[in-house]
Each structure stands twice: as C-alpha cells, then as structure tokens.
Amino acid sequence: MNLASLRLAMPLALIASISSIFGARQGQILPVETVETLMGFTILGIVVLMMTARKSTFPNVPTSDRLSSVLGISGVFTEASLGETINWKVHRTLPSLFLFIFIGFAAGMFGLGAGWANISSVG
C-alpha cells in the first residue's frame, strides 16, 4: 500500500528514542511520588486532548516548508475510499521535531508507549 514514509517516521522516531533515554534516567532520579503525580497530570492532559480533539481531516498543505523539502519528506498515496491520488506535503516540521523531544522524554519517564502523542501531534 506504501502508506508509511520512512523519511517522515525515522527523524521523529530517532528524536523520540534519544529523548526517552533522558526521560527514563530522570524518572529514576526523581522521587516516586513526584513521578506518579506528573504521570497523573500527563494522563489528565491526554484526556483533555482526546475530549477536545476535532474530527481529523486530511490537511491541505499547498507547499512543503523548507526543512521538509531539504529532507525530502513528501509522498503520494491513493485513497481507495475516495478513489483519489493524494500528493502529501509536510509543514511545521521544526516545531514537530521539538515536540517529539517532549514526547520521547515523557514516554521514557513514565514508561508510556508514545502512540497517543504521535497521533495527537501530527493530526
């Protein structure tokens, strides 16, 4: 189907993986009560994100930003339900990279899978 793009996934996964190491180390250093409290706030934040999320639609990105163009992050896929070929481009690449630092750190500190954050930040 060719729906996955390694050029899109690899930089984000690399950044999240590296920052998760630092998050795991920080989780070991902090007192257990502090980590549990922070995890509670994180879970409440996830609940708020999920409750306030709008319906996901395919964004209309007319042109790629400079960083995604340099990295060659773009692609084409066929949406079977619409019978259309969609040329996708990426924007807000740099803010997304910084967001994945936080996502990886939180995932490492709390031992969370970061799928919730990956979907929330990209959508």
PDB file of N, CA and C in Angstrom:
ATOM      1  N   MET A   1       0.806  -1.199   0.000  1.00  0.00           N
ATOM      2  CA  MET A   1       0.000   0.000   0.000  1.00  0.00           C
ATOM      3  C   MET A   1       0.855   1.272   0.000  1.00  0.00           C
ATOM      4  N   ASN A   2       2.085   1.196   0.512  1.00  0.00           N
ATOM      5  CA  ASN A   2       3.001   2.343   0.547  1.00  0.00           C
ATOM      6  C   ASN A   2       2.435   3.541   1.287  1.00  0.00           C
ATOM      7  N   LEU A   3       1.764   3.305   2.423  1.00  0.00           N
ATOM      8  CA  LEU A   3       1.216   4.417   3.192  1.00  0.00           C
ATOM      9  C   LEU A   3       2.214   4.971   4.206  1.00  0.00           C
ATOM     10  N   ALA A   4       3.235   4.216   4.557  1.00  0.00           N
ATOM     11  CA  ALA A   4       4.227   4.674   5.521  1.00  0.00           C
ATOM     12  C   ALA A   4       5.396   5.331   4.796  1.00  0.00           C
ATOM     13  N   SER A   5       5.918   6.374   5.386  1.00  0.00           N
ATOM     14  CA  SER A   5       7.073   7.062   4.831  1.00  0.00           C
ATOM     15  C   SER A   5       8.212   7.018   5.846  1.00  0.00           C
ATOM     16  N   LEU A   6       9.269   6.299   5.508  1.00  0.00           N
ATOM     17  CA  LEU A   6      10.410   6.249   6.416  1.00  0.00           C
ATOM     18  C   LEU A   6      11.089   7.604   6.541  1.00  0.00           C
ATOM     19  N   ARG A   7      11.034   8.412   5.500  1.00  0.00           N
ATOM     20  CA  ARG A   7      11.626   9.755   5.576  1.00  0.00           C
ATOM     21  C   ARG A   7      10.883  10.629   6.591  1.00  0.00           C
ATOM     22  N   LEU A   8       9.617  10.353   6.804  1.00  0.00           N
ATOM     23  CA  LEU A   8       8.835  11.083   7.809  1.00  0.00           C
ATOM     24  C   LEU A   8       9.017  10.457   9.187  1.00  0.00           C
ATOM     25  N   ALA A   9       8.959   9.138   9.265  1.00  0.00           N
ATOM     26  CA  ALA A   9       8.964   8.456  10.554  1.00  0.00           C
ATOM     27  C   ALA A   9      10.340   8.412  11.223  1.00  0.00           C
ATOM     28  N   MET A  10      11.387   8.211  10.469  1.00  0.00           N
ATOM     29  CA  MET A  10      12.703   7.995  11.068  1.00  0.00           C
ATOM     30  C   MET A  10      13.246   9.189  11.860  1.00  0.00           C
ATOM     31  N   PRO A  11      13.183  10.418  11.343  1.00  0.00           N
ATOM     32  CA  PRO A  11      13.688  11.528  12.177  1.00  0.00           C
ATOM     33  C   PRO A  11      12.903  11.686  13.476  1.00  0.00           C
ATOM     34  N   LEU A  12      11.575  11.523  13.395  1.00  0.00           N
ATOM     35  CA  LEU A  12      10.754  11.664  14.591  1.00  0.00           C
ATOM     36  C   LEU A  12      11.019  10.534  15.572  1.00  0.00           C
ATOM     37  N   ALA A  13      11.126   9.310  15.072  1.00  0.00           N
ATOM     38  CA  ALA A  13      11.396   8.162  15.939  1.00  0.00           C
ATOM     39  C   ALA A  13      12.777   8.270  16.576  1.00  0.00           C
ATOM     40  N   LEU A  14      13.748   8.729  15.829  1.00  0.00           N
ATOM     41  CA  LEU A  14      15.102   8.884  16.360  1.00  0.00           C
ATOM     42  C   LEU A  14      15.128   9.912  17.488  1.00  0.00           C
ATOM     43  N   ILE A  15      14.498  11.051  17.260  1.00  0.00           N
ATOM     44  CA  ILE A  15      14.461  12.096  18.279  1.00  0.00           C
ATOM     45  C   ILE A  15      13.723  11.617  19.521  1.00  0.00           C
ATOM     46  N   ALA A  16      12.571  10.967  19.338  1.00  0.00           N
ATOM     47  CA  ALA A  16      11.801  10.470  20.478  1.00  0.00           C
ATOM     48  C   ALA A  16      12.572   9.389  21.224  1.00  0.00           C
ATOM     49  N   SER A  17      13.269   8.527  20.524  1.00  0.00           N
ATOM     50  CA  SER A  17      14.030   7.448  21.174  1.00  0.00           C
ATOM     51  C   SER A  17      15.185   7.994  22.004  1.00  0.00           C
ATOM     52  N   ILE A  18      15.897   8.949  21.435  1.00  0.00           N
ATOM     53  CA  ILE A  18      17.027   9.530  22.179  1.00  0.00           C
ATOM     54  C   ILE A  18      16.536  10.270  23.412  1.00  0.00           C
ATOM     55  N   SER A  19      15.489  11.070  23.267  1.00  0.00           N
ATOM     56  CA  SER A  19      14.992  11.818  24.422  1.00  0.00           C
ATOM     57  C   SER A  19      14.334  10.902  25.446  1.00  0.00           C
ATOM     58  N   SER A  20      13.840   9.733  25.040  1.00  0.00           N
ATOM     59  CA  SER A  20      13.253   8.801  26.007  1.00  0.00           C
ATOM     60  C   SER A  20      14.311   8.239  26.943  1.00  0.00           C
ATOM     61  N   ILE A  21      15.546   8.151  26.474  1.00  0.00           N
ATOM     62  CA  ILE A  21      16.634   7.702  27.348  1.00  0.00           C
ATOM     63  C   ILE A  21      16.825   8.704  28.482  1.00  0.00           C
ATOM     64  N   PHE A  22      16.810   9.980  28.151  1.00  0.00           N
ATOM     65  CA  PHE A  22      16.939  11.017  29.183  1.00  0.00           C
ATOM     66  C   PHE A  22      15.721  11.038  30.100  1.00  0.00           C
ATOM     67  N   GLY A  23      14.535  10.814  29.550  1.00  0.00           N
ATOM     68  CA  GLY A  23      13.329  10.748  30.368  1.00  0.00           C
ATOM     69  C   GLY A  23      13.366   9.578  31.330  1.00  0.00           C
ATOM     70  N   ALA A  24      13.838   8.426  30.864  1.00  0.00           N
ATOM     71  CA  ALA A  24      13.932   7.253  31.730  1.00  0.00           C
ATOM     72  C   ALA A  24      14.911   7.510  32.871  1.00  0.00           C
ATOM     73  N   ARG A  25      16.013   8.145  32.542  1.00  0.00           N
ATOM     74  CA  ARG A  25      17.005   8.468  33.587  1.00  0.00           C
ATOM     75  C   ARG A  25      16.421   9.448  34.594  1.00  0.00           C
ATOM     76  N   GLN A  26      15.694  10.450  34.110  1.00  0.00           N
ATOM     77  CA  GLN A  26      15.077  11.425  35.016  1.00  0.00           C
ATOM     78  C   GLN A  26      14.034  10.745  35.895  1.00  0.00           C
ATOM     79  N   GLY A  27      13.286   9.799  35.328  1.00  0.00           N
ATOM     80  CA  GLY A  27      12.296   9.064  36.105  1.00  0.00           C
ATOM     81  C   GLY A  27      12.926   8.252  37.225  1.00  0.00           C
ATOM     82  N   GLN A  28      14.155   7.798  37.030  1.00  0.00           N
ATOM     83  CA  GLN A  28      14.858   7.049  38.063  1.00  0.00           C
ATOM     84  C   GLN A  28      15.387   7.961  39.161  1.00  0.00           C
ATOM     85  N   ILE A  29      15.698   9.201  38.804  1.00  0.00           N
ATOM     86  CA  ILE A  29      16.287  10.136  39.766  1.00  0.00           C
ATOM     87  C   ILE A  29      15.219  10.755  40.672  1.00  0.00           C
ATOM     88  N   LEU A  30      14.078  11.118  40.106  1.00  0.00           N
ATOM     89  CA  LEU A  30      13.030  11.795  40.874  1.00  0.00           C
ATOM     90  C   LEU A  30      12.386  10.855  41.883  1.00  0.00           C
ATOM     91  N   PRO A  31      11.857  11.416  42.974  1.00  0.00           N
ATOM     92  CA  PRO A  31      11.114  10.583  43.933  1.00  0.00           C
ATOM     93  C   PRO A  31       9.871   9.973  43.272  1.00  0.00           C
ATOM     94  N   VAL A  32       9.507   8.779  43.720  1.00  0.00           N
ATOM     95  CA  VAL A  32       8.383   8.047  43.136  1.00  0.00           C
ATOM     96  C   VAL A  32       7.105   8.883  43.167  1.00  0.00           C
ATOM     97  N   GLU A  33       6.852   9.589  44.278  1.00  0.00           N
ATOM     98  CA  GLU A  33       5.630  10.391  44.408  1.00  0.00           C
ATOM     99  C   GLU A  33       5.578  11.491  43.347  1.00  0.00           C
ATOM    100  N   THR A  34       6.706  12.079  43.044  1.00  0.00           N
ATOM    101  CA  THR A  34       6.772  13.136  42.029  1.00  0.00           C
ATOM    102  C   THR A  34       6.457  12.567  40.650  1.00  0.00           C
ATOM    103  N   VAL A  35       7.050  11.430  40.326  1.00  0.00           N
ATOM    104  CA  VAL A  35       6.814  10.798  39.028  1.00  0.00           C
ATOM    105  C   VAL A  35       5.348  10.403  38.908  1.00  0.00           C
ATOM    106  N   GLU A  36       4.775   9.850  39.977  1.00  0.00           N
ATOM    107  CA  GLU A  36       3.359   9.466  39.941  1.00  0.00           C
ATOM    108  C   GLU A  36       2.453  10.675  39.758  1.00  0.00           C
ATOM    109  N   THR A  37       2.765  11.766  40.422  1.00  0.00           N
ATOM    110  CA  THR A  37       1.961  12.989  40.280  1.00  0.00           C
ATOM    111  C   THR A  37       2.070  13.541  38.860  1.00  0.00           C
ATOM    112  N   LEU A  38       3.280  13.582  38.339  1.00  0.00           N
ATOM    113  CA  LEU A  38       3.467  14.065  36.965  1.00  0.00           C
ATOM    114  C   LEU A  38       2.756  13.158  35.961  1.00  0.00           C
ATOM    115  N   MET A  39       2.780  11.859  36.213  1.00  0.00           N
ATOM    116  CA  MET A  39       2.082  10.937  35.321  1.00  0.00           C
ATOM    117  C   MET A  39       0.571  11.171  35.379  1.00  0.00           C
ATOM    118  N   GLY A  40       0.048  11.438  36.569  1.00  0.00           N
ATOM    119  CA  GLY A  40      -1.376  11.758  36.707  1.00  0.00           C
ATOM    120  C   GLY A  40      -1.749  12.982  35.896  1.00  0.00           C
ATOM    121  N   PHE A  41      -0.933  14.036  35.984  1.00  0.00           N
ATOM    122  CA  PHE A  41      -1.197  15.241  35.189  1.00  0.00           C
ATOM    123  C   PHE A  41      -1.093  14.953  33.694  1.00  0.00           C
ATOM    124  N   THR A  42      -0.135  14.113  33.324  1.00  0.00           N
ATOM    125  CA  THR A  42       0.013  13.745  31.916  1.00  0.00           C
ATOM    126  C   THR A  42      -1.226  13.011  31.415  1.00  0.00           C
ATOM    127  N   ILE A  43      -1.724  12.071  32.200  1.00  0.00           N
ATOM    128  CA  ILE A  43      -2.920  11.325  31.800  1.00  0.00           C
ATOM    129  C   ILE A  43      -4.125  12.254  31.705  1.00  0.00           C
ATOM    130  N   LEU A  44      -4.265  13.175  32.650  1.00  0.00           N
ATOM    131  CA  LEU A  44      -5.355  14.149  32.568  1.00  0.00           C
ATOM    132  C   LEU A  44      -5.216  15.022  31.322  1.00  0.00           C
ATOM    133  N   GLY A  45      -3.988  15.392  30.991  1.00  0.00           N
ATOM    134  CA  GLY A  45      -3.763  16.169  29.770  1.00  0.00           C
ATOM    135  C   GLY A  45      -4.148  15.390  28.525  1.00  0.00           C
ATOM    136  N   ILE A  46      -3.843  14.087  28.513  1.00  0.00           N
ATOM    137  CA  ILE A  46      -4.230  13.241  27.380  1.00  0.00           C
ATOM    138  C   ILE A  46      -5.749  13.187  27.260  1.00  0.00           C
ATOM    139  N   VAL A  47      -6.424  13.057  28.400  1.00  0.00           N
ATOM    140  CA  VAL A  47      -7.895  13.020  28.400  1.00  0.00           C
ATOM    141  C   VAL A  47      -8.448  14.316  27.814  1.00  0.00           C
ATOM    142  N   VAL A  48      -7.896  15.450  28.226  1.00  0.00           N
ATOM    143  CA  VAL A  48      -8.352  16.744  27.704  1.00  0.00           C
ATOM    144  C   VAL A  48      -8.111  16.820  26.194  1.00  0.00           C
ATOM    145  N   LEU A  49      -6.927  16.385  25.751  1.00  0.00           N
ATOM    146  CA  LEU A  49      -6.640  16.376  24.314  1.00  0.00           C
ATOM    147  C   LEU A  49      -7.649  15.537  23.547  1.00  0.00           C
ATOM    148  N   MET A  50      -7.956  14.368  24.074  1.00  0.00           N
ATOM    149  CA  MET A  50      -8.870  13.472  23.383  1.00  0.00           C
ATOM    150  C   MET A  50     -10.306  14.021  23.382  1.00  0.00           C
ATOM    151  N   MET A  51     -10.691  14.670  24.456  1.00  0.00           N
ATOM    152  CA  MET A  51     -12.062  15.202  24.536  1.00  0.00           C
ATOM    153  C   MET A  51     -12.249  16.446  23.679  1.00  0.00           C
ATOM    154  N   THR A  52     -11.190  17.207  23.491  1.00  0.00           N
ATOM    155  CA  THR A  52     -11.313  18.459  22.738  1.00  0.00           C
ATOM    156  C   THR A  52     -10.874  18.336  21.285  1.00  0.00           C
ATOM    157  N   ALA A  53     -10.414  17.152  20.899  1.00  0.00           N
ATOM    158  CA  ALA A  53      -9.915  16.969  19.531  1.00  0.00           C
ATOM    159  C   ALA A  53     -11.053  17.094  18.530  1.00  0.00           C
ATOM    160  N   ARG A  54     -10.780  17.784  17.448  1.00  0.00           N
ATOM    161  CA  ARG A  54     -11.748  17.893  16.364  1.00  0.00           C
ATOM    162  C   ARG A  54     -11.637  16.665  15.479  1.00  0.00           C
ATOM    163  N   LYS A  55     -12.617  16.516  14.616  1.00  0.00           N
ATOM    164  CA  LYS A  55     -12.578  15.411  13.665  1.00  0.00           C
ATOM    165  C   LYS A  55     -11.345  15.584  12.783  1.00  0.00           C
ATOM    166  N   SER A  56     -10.628  14.507  12.598  1.00  0.00           N
ATOM    167  CA  SER A  56      -9.412  14.546  11.799  1.00  0.00           C
ATOM    168  C   SER A  56      -9.751  14.585  10.315  1.00  0.00           C
ATOM    169  N   THR A  57      -9.147  15.511   9.627  1.00  0.00           N
ATOM    170  CA  THR A  57      -9.291  15.595   8.179  1.00  0.00           C
ATOM    171  C   THR A  57      -7.896  15.682   7.575  1.00  0.00           C
ATOM    172  N   PHE A  58      -7.797  15.343   6.319  1.00  0.00           N
ATOM    173  CA  PHE A  58      -6.506  15.437   5.646  1.00  0.00           C
ATOM    174  C   PHE A  58      -6.219  16.910   5.404  1.00  0.00           C
ATOM    175  N   PRO A  59      -5.135  17.454   5.993  1.00  0.00           N
ATOM    176  CA  PRO A  59      -4.863  18.886   5.851  1.00  0.00           C
ATOM    177  C   PRO A  59      -4.450  19.254   4.427  1.00  0.00           C
ATOM    178  N   ASN A  60      -4.831  20.432   4.037  1.00  0.00           N
ATOM    179  CA  ASN A  60      -4.433  20.954   2.737  1.00  0.00           C
ATOM    180  C   ASN A  60      -3.146  21.753   2.929  1.00  0.00           C
ATOM    181  N   VAL A  61      -2.036  21.166   2.537  1.00  0.00           N
ATOM    182  CA  VAL A  61      -0.728  21.815   2.658  1.00  0.00           C
ATOM    183  C   VAL A  61      -0.250  22.102   1.240  1.00  0.00           C
ATOM    184  N   PRO A  62      -0.394  23.351   0.776  1.00  0.00           N
ATOM    185  CA  PRO A  62      -0.048  23.658  -0.615  1.00  0.00           C
ATOM    186  C   PRO A  62       1.440  23.503  -0.935  1.00  0.00           C
ATOM    187  N   THR A  63       2.302  23.876   0.009  1.00  0.00           N
ATOM    188  CA  THR A  63       3.744  23.738  -0.218  1.00  0.00           C
ATOM    189  C   THR A  63       4.419  23.226   1.046  1.00  0.00           C
ATOM    190  N   SER A  64       5.485  22.492   0.863  1.00  0.00           N
ATOM    191  CA  SER A  64       6.271  21.983   1.992  1.00  0.00           C
ATOM    192  C   SER A  64       7.050  23.141   2.609  1.00  0.00           C
ATOM    193  N   ASP A  65       7.347  23.026   3.916  1.00  0.00           N
ATOM    194  CA  ASP A  65       8.239  24.019   4.491  1.00  0.00           C
ATOM    195  C   ASP A  65       9.676  23.695   4.075  1.00  0.00           C
ATOM    196  N   ARG A  66      10.572  24.590   4.363  1.00  0.00           N
ATOM    197  CA  ARG A  66      11.949  24.464   3.874  1.00  0.00           C
ATOM    198  C   ARG A  66      12.638  23.210   4.395  1.00  0.00           C
ATOM    199  N   LEU A  67      12.493  22.924   5.696  1.00  0.00           N
ATOM    200  CA  LEU A  67      13.177  21.776   6.282  1.00  0.00           C
ATOM    201  C   LEU A  67      12.677  20.457   5.695  1.00  0.00           C
ATOM    202  N   SER A  68      11.367  20.306   5.535  1.00  0.00           N
ATOM    203  CA  SER A  68      10.856  19.060   4.968  1.00  0.00           C
ATOM    204  C   SER A  68      11.241  18.920   3.499  1.00  0.00           C
ATOM    205  N   SER A  69      11.388  20.036   2.817  1.00  0.00           N
ATOM    206  CA  SER A  69      11.854  19.977   1.423  1.00  0.00           C
ATOM    207  C   SER A  69      13.300  19.500   1.352  1.00  0.00           C
ATOM    208  N   VAL A  70      14.140  20.021   2.253  1.00  0.00           N
ATOM    209  CA  VAL A  70      15.544  19.609   2.286  1.00  0.00           C
ATOM    210  C   VAL A  70      15.655  18.122   2.629  1.00  0.00           C
ATOM    211  N   LEU A  71      14.820  17.658   3.572  1.00  0.00           N
ATOM    212  CA  LEU A  71      14.853  16.259   3.977  1.00  0.00           C
ATOM    213  C   LEU A  71      14.114  15.343   3.003  1.00  0.00           C
ATOM    214  N   GLY A  72      13.412  15.925   2.049  1.00  0.00           N
ATOM    215  CA  GLY A  72      12.691  15.134   1.053  1.00  0.00           C
ATOM    216  C   GLY A  72      11.486  14.407   1.620  1.00  0.00           C
ATOM    217  N   ILE A  73      10.815  15.042   2.576  1.00  0.00           N
ATOM    218  CA  ILE A  73       9.660  14.415   3.214  1.00  0.00           C
ATOM    219  C   ILE A  73       8.392  14.831   2.470  1.00  0.00           C
ATOM    220  N   SER A  74       7.921  13.961   1.618  1.00  0.00           N
ATOM    221  CA  SER A  74       6.657  14.149   0.892  1.00  0.00           C
ATOM    222  C   SER A  74       6.339  12.824   0.229  1.00  0.00           C
ATOM    223  N   GLY A  75       5.165  12.720  -0.347  1.00  0.00           N
ATOM    224  CA  GLY A  75       4.833  11.462  -0.987  1.00  0.00           C
ATOM    225  C   GLY A  75       3.497  11.499  -1.694  1.00  0.00           C
ATOM    226  N   VAL A  76       3.115  10.344  -2.189  1.00  0.00           N
ATOM    227  CA  VAL A  76       1.867  10.187  -2.928  1.00  0.00           C
ATOM    228  C   VAL A  76       1.224   8.883  -2.460  1.00  0.00           C
ATOM    229  N   PHE A  77      -0.098   8.926  -2.248  1.00  0.00           N
ATOM    230  CA  PHE A  77      -0.816   7.688  -1.986  1.00  0.00           C
ATOM    231  C   PHE A  77      -2.196   7.771  -2.601  1.00  0.00           C
ATOM    232  N   THR A  78      -2.797   6.617  -2.800  1.00  0.00           N
ATOM    233  CA  THR A  78      -4.141   6.547  -3.358  1.00  0.00           C
ATOM    234  C   THR A  78      -5.111   6.240  -2.235  1.00  0.00           C
ATOM    235  N   GLU A  79      -6.073   7.111  -2.054  1.00  0.00           N
ATOM    236  CA  GLU A  79      -7.125   6.912  -1.061  1.00  0.00           C
ATOM    237  C   GLU A  79      -8.240   6.122  -1.723  1.00  0.00           C
ATOM    238  N   ALA A  80      -8.314   4.834  -1.368  1.00  0.00           N
ATOM    239  CA  ALA A  80      -9.260   3.930  -2.036  1.00  0.00           C
ATOM    240  C   ALA A  80     -10.709   4.353  -1.827  1.00  0.00           C
ATOM    241  N   SER A  81     -11.033   4.855  -0.633  1.00  0.00           N
ATOM    242  CA  SER A  81     -12.429   5.218  -0.366  1.00  0.00           C
ATOM    243  C   SER A  81     -12.884   6.413  -1.204  1.00  0.00           C
ATOM    244  N   LEU A  82     -11.941   7.264  -1.575  1.00  0.00           N
ATOM    245  CA  LEU A  82     -12.279   8.428  -2.399  1.00  0.00           C
ATOM    246  C   LEU A  82     -11.947   8.196  -3.864  1.00  0.00           C
ATOM    247  N   GLY A  83     -11.116   7.191  -4.122  1.00  0.00           N
ATOM    248  CA  GLY A  83     -10.675   6.950  -5.486  1.00  0.00           C
ATOM    249  C   GLY A  83      -9.785   8.057  -6.011  1.00  0.00           C
ATOM    250  N   GLU A  84      -9.048   8.704  -5.110  1.00  0.00           N
ATOM    251  CA  GLU A  84      -8.196   9.829  -5.485  1.00  0.00           C
ATOM    252  C   GLU A  84      -6.734   9.523  -5.153  1.00  0.00           C
ATOM    253  N   THR A  85      -5.857  10.104  -5.936  1.00  0.00           N
ATOM    254  CA  THR A  85      -4.441  10.080  -5.626  1.00  0.00           C
ATOM    255  C   THR A  85      -4.117  11.382  -4.912  1.00  0.00           C
ATOM    256  N   ILE A  86      -3.485  11.262  -3.756  1.00  0.00           N
ATOM    257  CA  ILE A  86      -3.206  12.434  -2.931  1.00  0.00           C
ATOM    258  C   ILE A  86      -1.707  12.637  -2.838  1.00  0.00           C
ATOM    259  N   ASN A  87      -1.264  13.834  -3.210  1.00  0.00           N
ATOM    260  CA  ASN A  87       0.130  14.242  -3.037  1.00  0.00           C
ATOM    261  C   ASN A  87       0.224  14.931  -1.680  1.00  0.00           C
ATOM    262  N   TRP A  88       0.945  14.333  -0.745  1.00  0.00           N
ATOM    263  CA  TRP A  88       1.032  14.945   0.577  1.00  0.00           C
ATOM    264  C   TRP A  88       2.372  15.625   0.789  1.00  0.00           C
ATOM    265  N   LYS A  89       2.303  16.695   1.546  1.00  0.00           N
ATOM    266  CA  LYS A  89       3.478  17.500   1.886  1.00  0.00           C
ATOM    267  C   LYS A  89       3.441  17.756   3.389  1.00  0.00           C
ATOM    268  N   VAL A  90       4.565  18.147   3.931  1.00  0.00           N
ATOM    269  CA  VAL A  90       4.681  18.361   5.368  1.00  0.00           C
ATOM    270  C   VAL A  90       4.968  19.831   5.646  1.00  0.00           C
ATOM    271  N   HIS A  91       4.334  20.332   6.689  1.00  0.00           N
ATOM    272  CA  HIS A  91       4.628  21.684   7.163  1.00  0.00           C
ATOM    273  C   HIS A  91       4.809  21.630   8.671  1.00  0.00           C
ATOM    274  N   ARG A  92       5.292  22.690   9.268  1.00  0.00           N
ATOM    275  CA  ARG A  92       5.574  22.768  10.709  1.00  0.00           C
ATOM    276  C   ARG A  92       6.541  21.666  11.146  1.00  0.00           C
ATOM    277  N   THR A  93       7.544  21.404  10.341  1.00  0.00           N
ATOM    278  CA  THR A  93       8.497  20.328  10.623  1.00  0.00           C
ATOM    279  C   THR A  93       9.325  20.626  11.864  1.00  0.00           C
ATOM    280  N   LEU A  94       9.888  21.812  11.971  1.00  0.00           N
ATOM    281  CA  LEU A  94      10.751  22.132  13.114  1.00  0.00           C
ATOM    282  C   LEU A  94       9.981  22.095  14.440  1.00  0.00           C
ATOM    283  N   PRO A  95       8.790  22.713  14.544  1.00  0.00           N
ATOM    284  CA  PRO A  95       8.047  22.579  15.806  1.00  0.00           C
ATOM    285  C   PRO A  95       7.718  21.124  16.139  1.00  0.00           C
ATOM    286  N   SER A  96       7.457  20.316  15.117  1.00  0.00           N
ATOM    287  CA  SER A  96       7.165  18.901  15.358  1.00  0.00           C
ATOM    288  C   SER A  96       8.380  18.177  15.917  1.00  0.00           C
ATOM    289  N   LEU A  97       9.552  18.492  15.407  1.00  0.00           N
ATOM    290  CA  LEU A  97      10.772  17.866  15.924  1.00  0.00           C
ATOM    291  C   LEU A  97      10.969  18.200  17.401  1.00  0.00           C
ATOM    292  N   PHE A  98      10.738  19.454  17.771  1.00  0.00           N
ATOM    293  CA  PHE A  98      10.866  19.847  19.173  1.00  0.00           C
ATOM    294  C   PHE A  98       9.788  19.188  20.034  1.00  0.00           C
ATOM    295  N   LEU A  99       8.591  19.051  19.502  1.00  0.00           N
ATOM    296  CA  LEU A  99       7.515  18.390  20.232  1.00  0.00           C
ATOM    297  C   LEU A  99       7.856  16.927  20.502  1.00  0.00           C
ATOM    298  N   PHE A 100       8.516  16.286  19.552  1.00  0.00           N
ATOM    299  CA  PHE A 100       8.883  14.890  19.751  1.00  0.00           C
ATOM    300  C   PHE A 100       9.980  14.723  20.787  1.00  0.00           C
ATOM    301  N   ILE A 101      10.732  15.763  21.082  1.00  0.00           N
ATOM    302  CA  ILE A 101      11.667  15.702  22.213  1.00  0.00           C
ATOM    303  C   ILE A 101      10.870  15.530  23.496  1.00  0.00           C
ATOM    304  N   PHE A 102       9.827  16.331  23.665  1.00  0.00           N
ATOM    305  CA  PHE A 102       8.967  16.217  24.844  1.00  0.00           C
ATOM    306  C   PHE A 102       8.253  14.875  24.884  1.00  0.00           C
ATOM    307  N   ILE A 103       7.739  14.433  23.751  1.00  0.00           N
ATOM    308  CA  ILE A 103       7.014  13.167  23.676  1.00  0.00           C
ATOM    309  C   ILE A 103       7.919  12.013  24.105  1.00  0.00           C
ATOM    310  N   GLY A 104       9.123  11.978  23.579  1.00  0.00           N
ATOM    311  CA  GLY A 104      10.063  10.920  23.947  1.00  0.00           C
ATOM    312  C   GLY A 104      10.443  10.983  25.412  1.00  0.00           C
ATOM    313  N   PHE A 105      10.670  12.200  25.921  1.00  0.00           N
ATOM    314  CA  PHE A 105      11.035  12.371  27.328  1.00  0.00           C
ATOM    315  C   PHE A 105       9.926  11.844  28.235  1.00  0.00           C
ATOM    316  N   ALA A 106       8.682  12.233  27.939  1.00  0.00           N
ATOM    317  CA  ALA A 106       7.548  11.785  28.750  1.00  0.00           C
ATOM    318  C   ALA A 106       7.367  10.273  28.649  1.00  0.00           C
ATOM    319  N   ALA A 107       7.499   9.730  27.458  1.00  0.00           N
ATOM    320  CA  ALA A 107       7.351   8.285  27.275  1.00  0.00           C
ATOM    321  C   ALA A 107       8.416   7.527  28.064  1.00  0.00           C
ATOM    322  N   GLY A 108       9.637   8.036  28.067  1.00  0.00           N
ATOM    323  CA  GLY A 108      10.703   7.394  28.818  1.00  0.00           C
ATOM    324  C   GLY A 108      10.521   7.522  30.315  1.00  0.00           C
ATOM    325  N   MET A 109      10.108   8.690  30.779  1.00  0.00           N
ATOM    326  CA  MET A 109       9.959   8.920  32.216  1.00  0.00           C
ATOM    327  C   MET A 109       8.859   8.051  32.818  1.00  0.00           C
ATOM    328  N   PHE A 110       7.753   7.919  32.085  1.00  0.00           N
ATOM    329  CA  PHE A 110       6.602   7.205  32.637  1.00  0.00           C
ATOM    330  C   PHE A 110       6.481   5.778  32.124  1.00  0.00           C
ATOM    331  N   GLY A 111       7.329   5.377  31.200  1.00  0.00           N
ATOM    332  CA  GLY A 111       7.214   4.041  30.639  1.00  0.00           C
ATOM    333  C   GLY A 111       5.985   3.903  29.762  1.00  0.00           C
ATOM    334  N   LEU A 112       5.562   5.025  29.173  1.00  0.00           N
ATOM    335  CA  LEU A 112       4.384   5.025  28.304  1.00  0.00           C
ATOM    336  C   LEU A 112       4.775   4.682  26.882  1.00  0.00           C
ATOM    337  N   GLY A 113       3.884   4.038  26.181  1.00  0.00           N
ATOM    338  CA  GLY A 113       4.030   3.993  24.734  1.00  0.00           C
ATOM    339  C   GLY A 113       3.648   5.373  24.235  1.00  0.00           C
ATOM    340  N   ALA A 114       4.296   5.859  23.224  1.00  0.00           N
ATOM    341  CA  ALA A 114       4.066   7.237  22.789  1.00  0.00           C
ATOM    342  C   ALA A 114       3.114   7.336  21.602  1.00  0.00           C
ATOM    343  N   GLY A 115       2.377   6.280  21.310  1.00  0.00           N
ATOM    344  CA  GLY A 115       1.445   6.321  20.184  1.00  0.00           C
ATOM    345  C   GLY A 115       0.412   7.419  20.314  1.00  0.00           C
ATOM    346  N   TRP A 116      -0.089   7.657  21.526  1.00  0.00           N
ATOM    347  CA  TRP A 116      -1.086   8.711  21.752  1.00  0.00           C
ATOM    348  C   TRP A 116      -0.531  10.064  21.342  1.00  0.00           C
ATOM    349  N   ALA A 117       0.710  10.327  21.680  1.00  0.00           N
ATOM    350  CA  ALA A 117       1.304  11.622  21.391  1.00  0.00           C
ATOM    351  C   ALA A 117       1.653  11.753  19.914  1.00  0.00           C
ATOM    352  N   ASN A 118       2.078  10.676  19.308  1.00  0.00           N
ATOM    353  CA  ASN A 118       2.409  10.726  17.891  1.00  0.00           C
ATOM    354  C   ASN A 118       1.187  11.103  17.071  1.00  0.00           C
ATOM    355  N   ILE A 119       0.060  10.498  17.371  1.00  0.00           N
ATOM    356  CA  ILE A 119      -1.167  10.782  16.645  1.00  0.00           C
ATOM    357  C   ILE A 119      -1.661  12.200  16.949  1.00  0.00           C
ATOM    358  N   SER A 120      -1.622  12.593  18.232  1.00  0.00           N
ATOM    359  CA  SER A 120      -2.133  13.906  18.630  1.00  0.00           C
ATOM    360  C   SER A 120      -1.314  15.032  18.006  1.00  0.00           C
ATOM    361  N   SER A 121       0.008  14.875  17.954  1.00  0.00           N
ATOM    362  CA  SER A 121       0.834  15.974  17.470  1.00  0.00           C
ATOM    363  C   SER A 121       0.850  16.081  15.962  1.00  0.00           C
ATOM    364  N   VAL A 122       0.732  14.988  15.282  1.00  0.00           N
ATOM    365  CA  VAL A 122       0.774  15.016  13.833  1.00  0.00           C
ATOM    366  C   VAL A 122      -0.558  15.456  13.266  1.00  0.00           C
ATOM    367  N   GLY A 123      -1.662  15.093  13.912  1.00  0.00           N
ATOM    368  CA  GLY A 123      -3.007  15.395  13.393  1.00  0.00           C
ATOM    369  C   GLY A 123      -3.310  16.786  13.437  1.00  0.00           C
TER     370      GLY A 123
END
